[in-house]
Structures are given as C-alpha cells and as structure tokens.
Amino acid sequence: MENILGSIKQGNWDAVCILGPTASGKTKFAVELARTLTAQWKPCEIISADSRQVYRGMDIGTGKDLSEYGEVPAHLLDIVDAGTKYNIFEYQKDFSKAYTNILERGCFPIICGGSGLYIEAATRGYELYEVLPDEDLRSRLEPKPMEELVQMLKELKAAKGVKPHNDTDWDTKKRVIRAIEIEMAQTEPRAPLPLPQNVLFIGVSVDRDTRNARIDARLEARLQEGMVEEVKRLLDSGIPAEDLIYYGLEYKFLTQYLIGELSYEEMVGGLRTAIHQFAKRQMTWFRGMERKGVEIHWVER
C-alpha cells in the first residue's frame, strides 16, 4: 500500500478508483484513503459511482451510509428524486462536471463504487450520446420492410468501421428503427467530455464466504434500521410500485412484500439470494475489465 500511496503523491494519476463488490468495505477504504492523502499530500474528494445512490430518499436500501464520509466531501449522491429513471448518459455528464470542479479547486478525485458500467463510463473514455426520439424519422422508416431496415443499419455501422455483432437486438422492427435512430444521431460530432485519462484502479477484495456473511448481517441490520419503512414512505409519496421494482434488489423485493406479492420470509430469503448473486456479477464485471487490459490492484479487507 505504501508503494501505491507514493505513486499517487508523485502525481502519476488523474484519479484513483476504488471498486469492489457490495459489502466489501470499499466506501470505508475510499474514505480512509482520502483522509490519508489529505493529511500527507492534498485535499481529496470522493465521486460516487453507484447507480442507485444518486436517488434522494433511497438511503438504507442503497447502503448510502452518508455518515461514513464524515468531513470528506462526496459527490453524485442524492442528486435526483426517487422515481425518476437516471441513466448512464446523465451520469457521465454529471461525473465530468464533478471531476472538473474538483480539479479546478486543486483537489484530487477518488472514484468509489460498485456499478461497473458507471465506473467504465467515467474512466474508460466511452463516448455516450443522448438520442431523443425522432418521430419524423420513425414515420419515414416504419413502412420499410424489415430486410431493408436491417441493411440500412448494417451500412450505417460499416460506415463508422463498426462490425455488427449483436443481431439478437434486431428481432423487431421497433428495435431496428431505434438502432438506426441512434446510429444516425451519433454521426454528428460532439465535443468530448473532460474525463480522467490515467486512472489507478484499486479493488477491495474479500473471499466469497466472508462476503456472503457480511451481506446477510448487513441485510438484517438494515431491516432493523427501517428499510421496510423507507420503501413504504416512497410508495406513500406517490411513486408507483413498478418504478421502485425497476430499481431492483432491495426496492424490488420490499415493494413486492409491501404490495402483498411476497410474504416477509419470502422477501428476506429471496433478497438475500439476489444480493449474493449481484455481488458475484459485480466480480465477474471487474474480472472482465481486467481481461480488457485494466490493471486492478487488489487489496484484502
């Protein structure tokens, strides 16, 4: 760890990214790192890379643990209302603003999260586009036969040097037209967002049995802390059940319990299993990043 700290303080990196599966202790690790670097080098601030902690009022279920940050500034928490459908395009824009702001104030950014797609959108330079529906284009494409639409889509991709690889998404005319809509919109140049180009990735690792035990203990603690009541408040505020179910995991299972689709025992058992599976998928994503050439320095916690 001393070598890593030395490398950071030498100014070798644009940002540090602390990643890991749920219940690995990555937030605590990120806060400890921020405090150490602030004391020894320069002020550090954390940017969350969690797809659900952006929502206000969704605290216990997302494991926001705001008190854990203490005096360390944290960004991209509580930035949109629960019930909205925040997306990866919006996250990349919001991340870029937070990242730029931190640098402009002479501070150093530490990214922390377990949402692999959000992490990669922030650190891998992906060009993401917000493509709104084009009703005029859709009305012109709708009468065309499926074969002609697929050929048009292939030609658009080929013109950009992209080899089509996901023909399974072309099973309906609606999907093909949407894909054409996106491809045509992406032909327009767009100024790149300021994003970190040289990121040090640190993974917080924990063995499976320990991780699952922590998940189980944390789930029980959150139920005792009022997680059911939190979801009930969201429902009572007027957020439709299907919108909360959309967020998955805790909000899916607790909503299904509150609307009578699951018993309490079914909810707890199903949620426990789902979180175990989610943590496994997170690790699969991070291993996939490594296969793509991302070097992750793993530390045991």
C-alpha atoms as a PDB file:
ATOM      1  CA  MET A   1       0.000   0.000   0.000  1.00  0.00           C
ATOM      2  CA  GLU A   2       2.894   2.372   0.666  1.00  0.00           C
ATOM      3  CA  ASN A   3       4.003   1.999  -2.948  1.00  0.00           C
ATOM      4  CA  ILE A   4       0.508   2.908  -4.111  1.00  0.00           C
ATOM      5  CA  LEU A   5       0.395   5.965  -1.849  1.00  0.00           C
ATOM      6  CA  GLY A   6       3.798   7.045  -3.121  1.00  0.00           C
ATOM      7  CA  SER A   7       2.704   6.702  -6.723  1.00  0.00           C
ATOM      8  CA  ILE A   8      -0.403   8.812  -6.100  1.00  0.00           C
ATOM      9  CA  LYS A   9       1.518  11.554  -4.279  1.00  0.00           C
ATOM     10  CA  GLN A  10       4.013  11.743  -7.141  1.00  0.00           C
ATOM     11  CA  GLY A  11       1.166  12.918  -9.331  1.00  0.00           C
ATOM     12  CA  ASN A  12       1.199   9.901 -11.644  1.00  0.00           C
ATOM     13  CA  TRP A  13      -2.592   9.625 -11.860  1.00  0.00           C
ATOM     14  CA  ASP A  14      -5.596  11.748 -12.857  1.00  0.00           C
ATOM     15  CA  ALA A  15      -7.787   9.909 -10.355  1.00  0.00           C
ATOM     16  CA  VAL A  16      -7.969   6.824  -8.171  1.00  0.00           C
ATOM     17  CA  CYS A  17     -10.896   4.421  -8.481  1.00  0.00           C
ATOM     18  CA  ILE A  18     -11.824   2.230  -5.522  1.00  0.00           C
ATOM     19  CA  LEU A  19     -14.036  -0.606  -6.700  1.00  0.00           C
ATOM     20  CA  GLY A  20     -15.361  -3.825  -5.276  1.00  0.00           C
ATOM     21  CA  PRO A  21     -18.499  -5.898  -4.729  1.00  0.00           C
ATOM     22  CA  THR A  22     -21.225  -4.967  -2.302  1.00  0.00           C
ATOM     23  CA  ALA A  23     -20.310  -5.405   1.400  1.00  0.00           C
ATOM     24  CA  SER A  24     -16.583  -5.399   0.615  1.00  0.00           C
ATOM     25  CA  GLY A  25     -15.932  -2.220   2.585  1.00  0.00           C
ATOM     26  CA  LYS A  26     -14.935  -0.085  -0.414  1.00  0.00           C
ATOM     27  CA  THR A  27     -16.558   3.112   0.876  1.00  0.00           C
ATOM     28  CA  LYS A  28     -14.725   2.876   4.180  1.00  0.00           C
ATOM     29  CA  PHE A  29     -11.499   2.180   2.311  1.00  0.00           C
ATOM     30  CA  ALA A  30     -12.036   5.167  -0.010  1.00  0.00           C
ATOM     31  CA  VAL A  31     -12.700   7.479   2.941  1.00  0.00           C
ATOM     32  CA  GLU A  32      -9.595   6.227   4.753  1.00  0.00           C
ATOM     33  CA  LEU A  33      -7.507   6.787   1.613  1.00  0.00           C
ATOM     34  CA  ALA A  34      -8.946  10.282   1.167  1.00  0.00           C
ATOM     35  CA  ARG A  35      -8.092  11.186   4.765  1.00  0.00           C
ATOM     36  CA  THR A  36      -4.558   9.810   4.474  1.00  0.00           C
ATOM     37  CA  LEU A  37      -3.827  11.629   1.224  1.00  0.00           C
ATOM     38  CA  THR A  38      -5.399  14.847   2.516  1.00  0.00           C
ATOM     39  CA  ALA A  39      -3.135  14.751   5.567  1.00  0.00           C
ATOM     40  CA  GLN A  40       0.020  13.843   3.632  1.00  0.00           C
ATOM     41  CA  TRP A  41      -0.473  15.488   0.234  1.00  0.00           C
ATOM     42  CA  LYS A  42      -3.533  17.468  -0.938  1.00  0.00           C
ATOM     43  CA  PRO A  43      -7.296  17.600  -0.263  1.00  0.00           C
ATOM     44  CA  CYS A  44      -9.180  14.630  -1.702  1.00  0.00           C
ATOM     45  CA  GLU A  45     -12.854  14.339  -2.572  1.00  0.00           C
ATOM     46  CA  ILE A  46     -14.933  11.273  -3.443  1.00  0.00           C
ATOM     47  CA  ILE A  47     -17.113  10.833  -6.516  1.00  0.00           C
ATOM     48  CA  SER A  48     -19.671   8.055  -6.166  1.00  0.00           C
ATOM     49  CA  ALA A  49     -20.020   5.524  -8.975  1.00  0.00           C
ATOM     50  CA  ASP A  50     -23.168   3.860  -7.692  1.00  0.00           C
ATOM     51  CA  SER A  51     -26.195   3.665  -9.959  1.00  0.00           C
ATOM     52  CA  ARG A  52     -28.749   3.871  -7.124  1.00  0.00           C
ATOM     53  CA  GLN A  53     -27.146   6.196  -4.584  1.00  0.00           C
ATOM     54  CA  VAL A  54     -27.917   9.109  -6.888  1.00  0.00           C
ATOM     55  CA  TYR A  55     -31.558   8.982  -5.686  1.00  0.00           C
ATOM     56  CA  ARG A  56     -32.838  11.089  -2.822  1.00  0.00           C
ATOM     57  CA  GLY A  57     -34.779   9.205  -0.167  1.00  0.00           C
ATOM     58  CA  MET A  58     -33.248   5.855  -1.097  1.00  0.00           C
ATOM     59  CA  ASP A  59     -30.727   5.680   1.718  1.00  0.00           C
ATOM     60  CA  ILE A  60     -30.944   2.464   3.716  1.00  0.00           C
ATOM     61  CA  GLY A  61     -31.702   0.233   0.735  1.00  0.00           C
ATOM     62  CA  THR A  62     -28.773   1.557  -1.304  1.00  0.00           C
ATOM     63  CA  GLY A  63     -26.346   1.441   1.618  1.00  0.00           C
ATOM     64  CA  LYS A  64     -25.609   5.135   1.249  1.00  0.00           C
ATOM     65  CA  ASP A  65     -24.125   5.374   4.755  1.00  0.00           C
ATOM     66  CA  LEU A  66     -23.680   9.146   4.486  1.00  0.00           C
ATOM     67  CA  SER A  67     -22.230   9.374   7.999  1.00  0.00           C
ATOM     68  CA  GLU A  68     -19.301   7.238   6.873  1.00  0.00           C
ATOM     69  CA  TYR A  69     -17.898  10.087   4.768  1.00  0.00           C
ATOM     70  CA  GLY A  70     -17.529  12.419   7.732  1.00  0.00           C
ATOM     71  CA  GLU A  71     -15.641  15.537   6.703  1.00  0.00           C
ATOM     72  CA  VAL A  72     -14.640  14.096   3.298  1.00  0.00           C
ATOM     73  CA  PRO A  73     -16.678  15.775   0.513  1.00  0.00           C
ATOM     74  CA  ALA A  74     -18.669  13.323  -1.615  1.00  0.00           C
ATOM     75  CA  HIS A  75     -20.279  13.975  -4.995  1.00  0.00           C
ATOM     76  CA  LEU A  76     -23.136  12.420  -7.027  1.00  0.00           C
ATOM     77  CA  LEU A  77     -25.115  11.309  -4.003  1.00  0.00           C
ATOM     78  CA  ASP A  78     -28.738  12.466  -3.666  1.00  0.00           C
ATOM     79  CA  ILE A  79     -28.807  14.344  -6.969  1.00  0.00           C
ATOM     80  CA  VAL A  80     -32.174  13.206  -8.417  1.00  0.00           C
ATOM     81  CA  ASP A  81     -35.574  12.363  -6.978  1.00  0.00           C
ATOM     82  CA  ALA A  82     -36.570   8.764  -6.386  1.00  0.00           C
ATOM     83  CA  GLY A  83     -38.970   7.613  -9.059  1.00  0.00           C
ATOM     84  CA  THR A  84     -37.025   9.114 -11.953  1.00  0.00           C
ATOM     85  CA  LYS A  85     -35.009   6.940 -14.316  1.00  0.00           C
ATOM     86  CA  TYR A  86     -31.493   8.320 -14.231  1.00  0.00           C
ATOM     87  CA  ASN A  87     -29.274   6.895 -16.967  1.00  0.00           C
ATOM     88  CA  ILE A  88     -25.649   6.276 -17.826  1.00  0.00           C
ATOM     89  CA  PHE A  89     -25.525   9.242 -20.234  1.00  0.00           C
ATOM     90  CA  GLU A  90     -26.649  11.624 -17.476  1.00  0.00           C
ATOM     91  CA  TYR A  91     -24.172  10.060 -15.075  1.00  0.00           C
ATOM     92  CA  GLN A  92     -21.233  10.594 -17.421  1.00  0.00           C
ATOM     93  CA  LYS A  93     -22.139  14.281 -17.820  1.00  0.00           C
ATOM     94  CA  ASP A  94     -22.609  14.754 -14.068  1.00  0.00           C
ATOM     95  CA  PHE A  95     -19.377  12.898 -13.366  1.00  0.00           C
ATOM     96  CA  SER A  96     -17.459  15.123 -15.779  1.00  0.00           C
ATOM     97  CA  LYS A  97     -18.781  18.257 -14.052  1.00  0.00           C
ATOM     98  CA  ALA A  98     -17.857  16.977 -10.591  1.00  0.00           C
ATOM     99  CA  TYR A  99     -14.437  15.783 -11.763  1.00  0.00           C
ATOM    100  CA  THR A 100     -13.632  19.109 -13.410  1.00  0.00           C
ATOM    101  CA  ASN A 101     -14.811  21.062 -10.389  1.00  0.00           C
ATOM    102  CA  ILE A 102     -12.614  19.036  -8.051  1.00  0.00           C
ATOM    103  CA  LEU A 103      -9.525  19.613 -10.201  1.00  0.00           C
ATOM    104  CA  GLU A 104     -10.245  23.329 -10.589  1.00  0.00           C
ATOM    105  CA  ARG A 105     -10.188  23.690  -6.800  1.00  0.00           C
ATOM    106  CA  GLY A 106      -6.808  21.981  -6.560  1.00  0.00           C
ATOM    107  CA  CYS A 107      -8.168  18.784  -5.059  1.00  0.00           C
ATOM    108  CA  PHE A 108      -7.741  15.151  -6.067  1.00  0.00           C
ATOM    109  CA  PRO A 109     -10.660  12.889  -7.079  1.00  0.00           C
ATOM    110  CA  ILE A 110     -11.238   9.418  -5.679  1.00  0.00           C
ATOM    111  CA  ILE A 111     -13.947   7.471  -7.512  1.00  0.00           C
ATOM    112  CA  CYS A 112     -15.756   4.893  -5.419  1.00  0.00           C
ATOM    113  CA  GLY A 113     -18.399   2.406  -6.414  1.00  0.00           C
ATOM    114  CA  GLY A 114     -19.565  -0.986  -7.419  1.00  0.00           C
ATOM    115  CA  SER A 115     -21.557  -0.183 -10.560  1.00  0.00           C
ATOM    116  CA  GLY A 116     -19.212  -1.473 -13.239  1.00  0.00           C
ATOM    117  CA  LEU A 117     -20.928   0.304 -16.117  1.00  0.00           C
ATOM    118  CA  TYR A 118     -20.796   3.655 -14.303  1.00  0.00           C
ATOM    119  CA  ILE A 119     -17.143   3.115 -13.424  1.00  0.00           C
ATOM    120  CA  GLU A 120     -16.251   2.377 -17.029  1.00  0.00           C
ATOM    121  CA  ALA A 121     -18.285   5.314 -18.334  1.00  0.00           C
ATOM    122  CA  ALA A 122     -16.260   7.589 -16.038  1.00  0.00           C
ATOM    123  CA  THR A 123     -12.820   6.098 -16.531  1.00  0.00           C
ATOM    124  CA  ARG A 124     -12.628   4.434 -19.943  1.00  0.00           C
ATOM    125  CA  GLY A 125     -13.400   7.425 -22.158  1.00  0.00           C
ATOM    126  CA  TYR A 126     -16.608   5.999 -23.598  1.00  0.00           C
ATOM    127  CA  GLU A 127     -18.437   8.375 -25.932  1.00  0.00           C
ATOM    128  CA  LEU A 128     -22.077   8.261 -24.893  1.00  0.00           C
ATOM    129  CA  TYR A 129     -24.869  10.033 -26.699  1.00  0.00           C
ATOM    130  CA  GLU A 130     -28.292  11.184 -25.596  1.00  0.00           C
ATOM    131  CA  VAL A 131     -30.538  10.291 -28.506  1.00  0.00           C
ATOM    132  CA  LEU A 132     -34.086  11.553 -28.216  1.00  0.00           C
ATOM    133  CA  PRO A 133     -36.895  10.011 -30.269  1.00  0.00           C
ATOM    134  CA  ASP A 134     -37.121  11.399 -33.814  1.00  0.00           C
ATOM    135  CA  GLU A 135     -40.773  10.981 -34.737  1.00  0.00           C
ATOM    136  CA  ASP A 136     -40.282  12.232 -38.313  1.00  0.00           C
ATOM    137  CA  LEU A 137     -37.536   9.686 -38.946  1.00  0.00           C
ATOM    138  CA  ARG A 138     -39.617   6.924 -37.368  1.00  0.00           C
ATOM    139  CA  SER A 139     -42.616   7.701 -39.568  1.00  0.00           C
ATOM    140  CA  ARG A 140     -40.402   7.504 -42.666  1.00  0.00           C
ATOM    141  CA  LEU A 141     -38.788   4.226 -41.627  1.00  0.00           C
ATOM    142  CA  GLU A 142     -41.877   2.400 -40.378  1.00  0.00           C
ATOM    143  CA  PRO A 143     -43.278   1.495 -43.845  1.00  0.00           C
ATOM    144  CA  LYS A 144     -39.984  -0.048 -44.974  1.00  0.00           C
ATOM    145  CA  PRO A 145     -39.606  -3.840 -44.870  1.00  0.00           C
ATOM    146  CA  MET A 146     -37.528  -5.408 -42.113  1.00  0.00           C
ATOM    147  CA  GLU A 147     -34.816  -6.583 -44.538  1.00  0.00           C
ATOM    148  CA  GLU A 148     -34.275  -3.049 -45.850  1.00  0.00           C
ATOM    149  CA  LEU A 149     -34.073  -1.610 -42.332  1.00  0.00           C
ATOM    150  CA  VAL A 150     -31.509  -4.204 -41.228  1.00  0.00           C
ATOM    151  CA  GLN A 151     -29.407  -3.498 -44.321  1.00  0.00           C
ATOM    152  CA  MET A 152     -29.580   0.239 -43.627  1.00  0.00           C
ATOM    153  CA  LEU A 153     -28.418  -0.336 -40.050  1.00  0.00           C
ATOM    154  CA  LYS A 154     -25.515  -2.527 -41.215  1.00  0.00           C
ATOM    155  CA  GLU A 155     -24.420   0.131 -43.686  1.00  0.00           C
ATOM    156  CA  LEU A 156     -24.519   2.858 -41.045  1.00  0.00           C
ATOM    157  CA  LYS A 157     -22.346   0.752 -38.754  1.00  0.00           C
ATOM    158  CA  ALA A 158     -19.973  -0.203 -41.574  1.00  0.00           C
ATOM    159  CA  ALA A 159     -19.505   3.472 -42.490  1.00  0.00           C
ATOM    160  CA  LYS A 160     -18.084   4.009 -38.992  1.00  0.00           C
ATOM    161  CA  GLY A 161     -15.951   0.885 -39.153  1.00  0.00           C
ATOM    162  CA  VAL A 162     -18.156  -0.994 -36.709  1.00  0.00           C
ATOM    163  CA  LYS A 163     -18.800  -4.653 -37.363  1.00  0.00           C
ATOM    164  CA  PRO A 164     -22.352  -5.622 -36.303  1.00  0.00           C
ATOM    165  CA  HIS A 165     -22.166  -8.243 -33.561  1.00  0.00           C
ATOM    166  CA  ASN A 166     -25.498  -8.223 -31.768  1.00  0.00           C
ATOM    167  CA  ASP A 167     -28.107  -9.275 -34.312  1.00  0.00           C
ATOM    168  CA  THR A 168     -30.311 -10.577 -31.493  1.00  0.00           C
ATOM    169  CA  ASP A 169     -31.380  -6.976 -30.869  1.00  0.00           C
ATOM    170  CA  TRP A 170     -32.804  -6.819 -34.392  1.00  0.00           C
ATOM    171  CA  ASP A 171     -35.702  -9.154 -33.730  1.00  0.00           C
ATOM    172  CA  THR A 172     -38.370  -6.463 -34.072  1.00  0.00           C
ATOM    173  CA  LYS A 173     -38.828  -3.553 -36.445  1.00  0.00           C
ATOM    174  CA  LYS A 174     -39.154  -1.190 -33.470  1.00  0.00           C
ATOM    175  CA  ARG A 175     -35.697  -2.148 -32.210  1.00  0.00           C
ATOM    176  CA  VAL A 176     -34.095  -1.834 -35.631  1.00  0.00           C
ATOM    177  CA  ILE A 177     -35.604   1.622 -36.156  1.00  0.00           C
ATOM    178  CA  ARG A 178     -34.375   2.719 -32.718  1.00  0.00           C
ATOM    179  CA  ALA A 179     -30.890   1.413 -33.558  1.00  0.00           C
ATOM    180  CA  ILE A 180     -30.923   3.358 -36.845  1.00  0.00           C
ATOM    181  CA  GLU A 181     -32.082   6.448 -34.956  1.00  0.00           C
ATOM    182  CA  ILE A 182     -29.127   6.132 -32.581  1.00  0.00           C
ATOM    183  CA  GLU A 183     -26.594   5.459 -35.337  1.00  0.00           C
ATOM    184  CA  MET A 184     -27.737   8.463 -37.363  1.00  0.00           C
ATOM    185  CA  ALA A 185     -27.624  10.760 -34.331  1.00  0.00           C
ATOM    186  CA  GLN A 186     -24.114   9.608 -33.488  1.00  0.00           C
ATOM    187  CA  THR A 187     -22.770  10.715 -36.859  1.00  0.00           C
ATOM    188  CA  GLU A 188     -22.884  14.299 -35.612  1.00  0.00           C
ATOM    189  CA  PRO A 189     -19.612  15.393 -33.957  1.00  0.00           C
ATOM    190  CA  ARG A 190     -19.692  16.112 -30.251  1.00  0.00           C
ATOM    191  CA  ALA A 191     -17.095  17.800 -28.071  1.00  0.00           C
ATOM    192  CA  PRO A 192     -15.542  15.183 -25.761  1.00  0.00           C
ATOM    193  CA  LEU A 193     -16.301  15.445 -22.070  1.00  0.00           C
ATOM    194  CA  PRO A 194     -13.409  16.067 -19.662  1.00  0.00           C
ATOM    195  CA  LEU A 195     -12.806  12.659 -18.103  1.00  0.00           C
ATOM    196  CA  PRO A 196      -9.757  11.141 -16.368  1.00  0.00           C
ATOM    197  CA  GLN A 197      -7.362   9.518 -18.812  1.00  0.00           C
ATOM    198  CA  ASN A 198      -4.936   7.865 -16.387  1.00  0.00           C
ATOM    199  CA  VAL A 199      -6.721   6.135 -13.523  1.00  0.00           C
ATOM    200  CA  LEU A 200      -5.266   3.965 -10.767  1.00  0.00           C
ATOM    201  CA  PHE A 201      -7.714   1.152 -10.024  1.00  0.00           C
ATOM    202  CA  ILE A 202      -7.711  -0.384  -6.545  1.00  0.00           C
ATOM    203  CA  GLY A 203     -10.040  -3.325  -5.927  1.00  0.00           C
ATOM    204  CA  VAL A 204     -11.245  -4.213  -2.446  1.00  0.00           C
ATOM    205  CA  SER A 205     -11.310  -7.988  -2.239  1.00  0.00           C
ATOM    206  CA  VAL A 206     -12.977 -10.342   0.218  1.00  0.00           C
ATOM    207  CA  ASP A 207     -13.473 -14.099  -0.058  1.00  0.00           C
ATOM    208  CA  ARG A 208     -16.923 -15.346  -1.049  1.00  0.00           C
ATOM    209  CA  ASP A 209     -17.914 -16.873   2.300  1.00  0.00           C
ATOM    210  CA  THR A 210     -16.935 -13.743   4.224  1.00  0.00           C
ATOM    211  CA  ARG A 211     -18.662 -11.529   1.670  1.00  0.00           C
ATOM    212  CA  ASN A 212     -21.903 -13.523   1.871  1.00  0.00           C
ATOM    213  CA  ALA A 213     -21.797 -13.492   5.672  1.00  0.00           C
ATOM    214  CA  ARG A 214     -21.381  -9.712   5.601  1.00  0.00           C
ATOM    215  CA  ILE A 215     -24.269  -9.381   3.150  1.00  0.00           C
ATOM    216  CA  ASP A 216     -26.531 -11.434   5.407  1.00  0.00           C
ATOM    217  CA  ALA A 217     -25.556  -9.475   8.527  1.00  0.00           C
ATOM    218  CA  ARG A 218     -25.937  -6.148   6.742  1.00  0.00           C
ATOM    219  CA  LEU A 219     -29.352  -7.101   5.385  1.00  0.00           C
ATOM    220  CA  GLU A 220     -30.590  -7.968   8.858  1.00  0.00           C
ATOM    221  CA  ALA A 221     -29.180  -4.700  10.233  1.00  0.00           C
ATOM    222  CA  ARG A 222     -30.860  -2.644   7.508  1.00  0.00           C
ATOM    223  CA  LEU A 223     -34.194  -4.304   8.114  1.00  0.00           C
ATOM    224  CA  GLN A 224     -33.817  -3.382  11.781  1.00  0.00           C
ATOM    225  CA  GLU A 225     -32.848   0.187  10.814  1.00  0.00           C
ATOM    226  CA  GLY A 226     -36.133   0.705   8.980  1.00  0.00           C
ATOM    227  CA  MET A 227     -35.589  -0.342   5.381  1.00  0.00           C
ATOM    228  CA  VAL A 228     -39.171  -1.577   5.069  1.00  0.00           C
ATOM    229  CA  GLU A 229     -40.440   1.753   6.382  1.00  0.00           C
ATOM    230  CA  GLU A 230     -38.203   3.597   3.905  1.00  0.00           C
ATOM    231  CA  VAL A 231     -39.768   1.793   0.955  1.00  0.00           C
ATOM    232  CA  LYS A 232     -43.263   2.328   2.405  1.00  0.00           C
ATOM    233  CA  ARG A 233     -42.579   6.079   2.604  1.00  0.00           C
ATOM    234  CA  LEU A 234     -41.533   6.076  -1.050  1.00  0.00           C
ATOM    235  CA  LEU A 235     -44.733   4.280  -2.032  1.00  0.00           C
ATOM    236  CA  ASP A 236     -46.826   6.603   0.132  1.00  0.00           C
ATOM    237  CA  SER A 237     -45.191   9.612  -1.538  1.00  0.00           C
ATOM    238  CA  GLY A 238     -46.822   8.583  -4.799  1.00  0.00           C
ATOM    239  CA  ILE A 239     -44.015   6.689  -6.524  1.00  0.00           C
ATOM    240  CA  PRO A 240     -45.635   3.790  -8.432  1.00  0.00           C
ATOM    241  CA  ALA A 241     -44.717   0.294  -7.279  1.00  0.00           C
ATOM    242  CA  GLU A 242     -43.427  -0.614 -10.736  1.00  0.00           C
ATOM    243  CA  ASP A 243     -40.965   2.290 -10.611  1.00  0.00           C
ATOM    244  CA  LEU A 244     -39.493   1.074  -7.334  1.00  0.00           C
ATOM    245  CA  ILE A 245     -39.373  -2.506  -8.613  1.00  0.00           C
ATOM    246  CA  TYR A 246     -37.393  -1.136 -11.593  1.00  0.00           C
ATOM    247  CA  TYR A 247     -34.536  -0.247  -9.213  1.00  0.00           C
ATOM    248  CA  GLY A 248     -34.069  -3.916  -8.318  1.00  0.00           C
ATOM    249  CA  LEU A 249     -32.707  -5.736  -5.278  1.00  0.00           C
ATOM    250  CA  GLU A 250     -33.940  -4.175  -2.008  1.00  0.00           C
ATOM    251  CA  TYR A 251     -36.524  -1.942  -3.672  1.00  0.00           C
ATOM    252  CA  LYS A 252     -37.873  -4.746  -5.826  1.00  0.00           C
ATOM    253  CA  PHE A 253     -38.291  -7.293  -3.042  1.00  0.00           C
ATOM    254  CA  LEU A 254     -39.510  -4.887  -0.362  1.00  0.00           C
ATOM    255  CA  THR A 255     -42.047  -3.361  -2.741  1.00  0.00           C
ATOM    256  CA  GLN A 256     -43.316  -6.821  -3.656  1.00  0.00           C
ATOM    257  CA  TYR A 257     -43.660  -7.558   0.061  1.00  0.00           C
ATOM    258  CA  LEU A 258     -45.485  -4.300   0.778  1.00  0.00           C
ATOM    259  CA  ILE A 259     -47.988  -4.773  -2.059  1.00  0.00           C
ATOM    260  CA  GLY A 260     -48.682  -8.326  -0.934  1.00  0.00           C
ATOM    261  CA  GLU A 261     -46.896 -10.322  -3.624  1.00  0.00           C
ATOM    262  CA  LEU A 262     -44.405 -11.867  -1.166  1.00  0.00           C
ATOM    263  CA  SER A 263     -44.537 -12.899   2.468  1.00  0.00           C
ATOM    264  CA  TYR A 264     -41.936 -11.417   4.820  1.00  0.00           C
ATOM    265  CA  GLU A 265     -39.996 -14.691   4.866  1.00  0.00           C
ATOM    266  CA  GLU A 266     -40.101 -14.965   1.058  1.00  0.00           C
ATOM    267  CA  MET A 267     -38.911 -11.377   0.754  1.00  0.00           C
ATOM    268  CA  VAL A 268     -35.947 -11.821   3.092  1.00  0.00           C
ATOM    269  CA  GLY A 269     -34.883 -15.162   1.624  1.00  0.00           C
ATOM    270  CA  GLY A 270     -35.242 -14.019  -1.972  1.00  0.00           C
ATOM    271  CA  LEU A 271     -33.460 -10.739  -1.333  1.00  0.00           C
ATOM    272  CA  ARG A 272     -30.574 -12.443   0.442  1.00  0.00           C
ATOM    273  CA  THR A 273     -30.043 -14.764  -2.520  1.00  0.00           C
ATOM    274  CA  ALA A 274     -30.382 -11.916  -5.023  1.00  0.00           C
ATOM    275  CA  ILE A 275     -27.720  -9.824  -3.269  1.00  0.00           C
ATOM    276  CA  HIS A 276     -25.342 -12.805  -3.181  1.00  0.00           C
ATOM    277  CA  GLN A 277     -25.850 -13.227  -6.931  1.00  0.00           C
ATOM    278  CA  PHE A 278     -25.435  -9.492  -7.516  1.00  0.00           C
ATOM    279  CA  ALA A 279     -22.073  -9.470  -5.722  1.00  0.00           C
ATOM    280  CA  LYS A 280     -20.949 -12.374  -7.882  1.00  0.00           C
ATOM    281  CA  ARG A 281     -21.958 -10.472 -11.035  1.00  0.00           C
ATOM    282  CA  GLN A 282     -20.024  -7.449  -9.846  1.00  0.00           C
ATOM    283  CA  MET A 283     -16.863  -9.524  -9.519  1.00  0.00           C
ATOM    284  CA  THR A 284     -17.490 -11.015 -12.964  1.00  0.00           C
ATOM    285  CA  TRP A 285     -17.659  -7.468 -14.372  1.00  0.00           C
ATOM    286  CA  PHE A 286     -14.399  -6.451 -12.691  1.00  0.00           C
ATOM    287  CA  ARG A 287     -12.656  -9.582 -13.976  1.00  0.00           C
ATOM    288  CA  GLY A 288     -13.971  -8.639 -17.403  1.00  0.00           C
ATOM    289  CA  MET A 289     -12.351  -5.216 -17.050  1.00  0.00           C
ATOM    290  CA  GLU A 290      -9.070  -6.955 -16.315  1.00  0.00           C
ATOM    291  CA  ARG A 291      -9.425  -9.118 -19.415  1.00  0.00           C
ATOM    292  CA  LYS A 292      -9.844  -5.923 -21.419  1.00  0.00           C
ATOM    293  CA  GLY A 293      -6.499  -4.681 -20.127  1.00  0.00           C
ATOM    294  CA  VAL A 294      -7.449  -2.707 -16.997  1.00  0.00           C
ATOM    295  CA  GLU A 295      -4.916  -3.312 -14.230  1.00  0.00           C
ATOM    296  CA  ILE A 296      -6.643  -3.552 -10.849  1.00  0.00           C
ATOM    297  CA  HIS A 297      -4.535  -3.641  -7.706  1.00  0.00           C
ATOM    298  CA  TRP A 298      -6.451  -5.870  -5.294  1.00  0.00           C
ATOM    299  CA  VAL A 299      -6.234  -5.389  -1.534  1.00  0.00           C
ATOM    300  CA  GLU A 300      -7.728  -7.661   1.110  1.00  0.00           C
ATOM    301  CA  ARG A 301     -10.126  -6.174   3.658  1.00  0.00           C
END
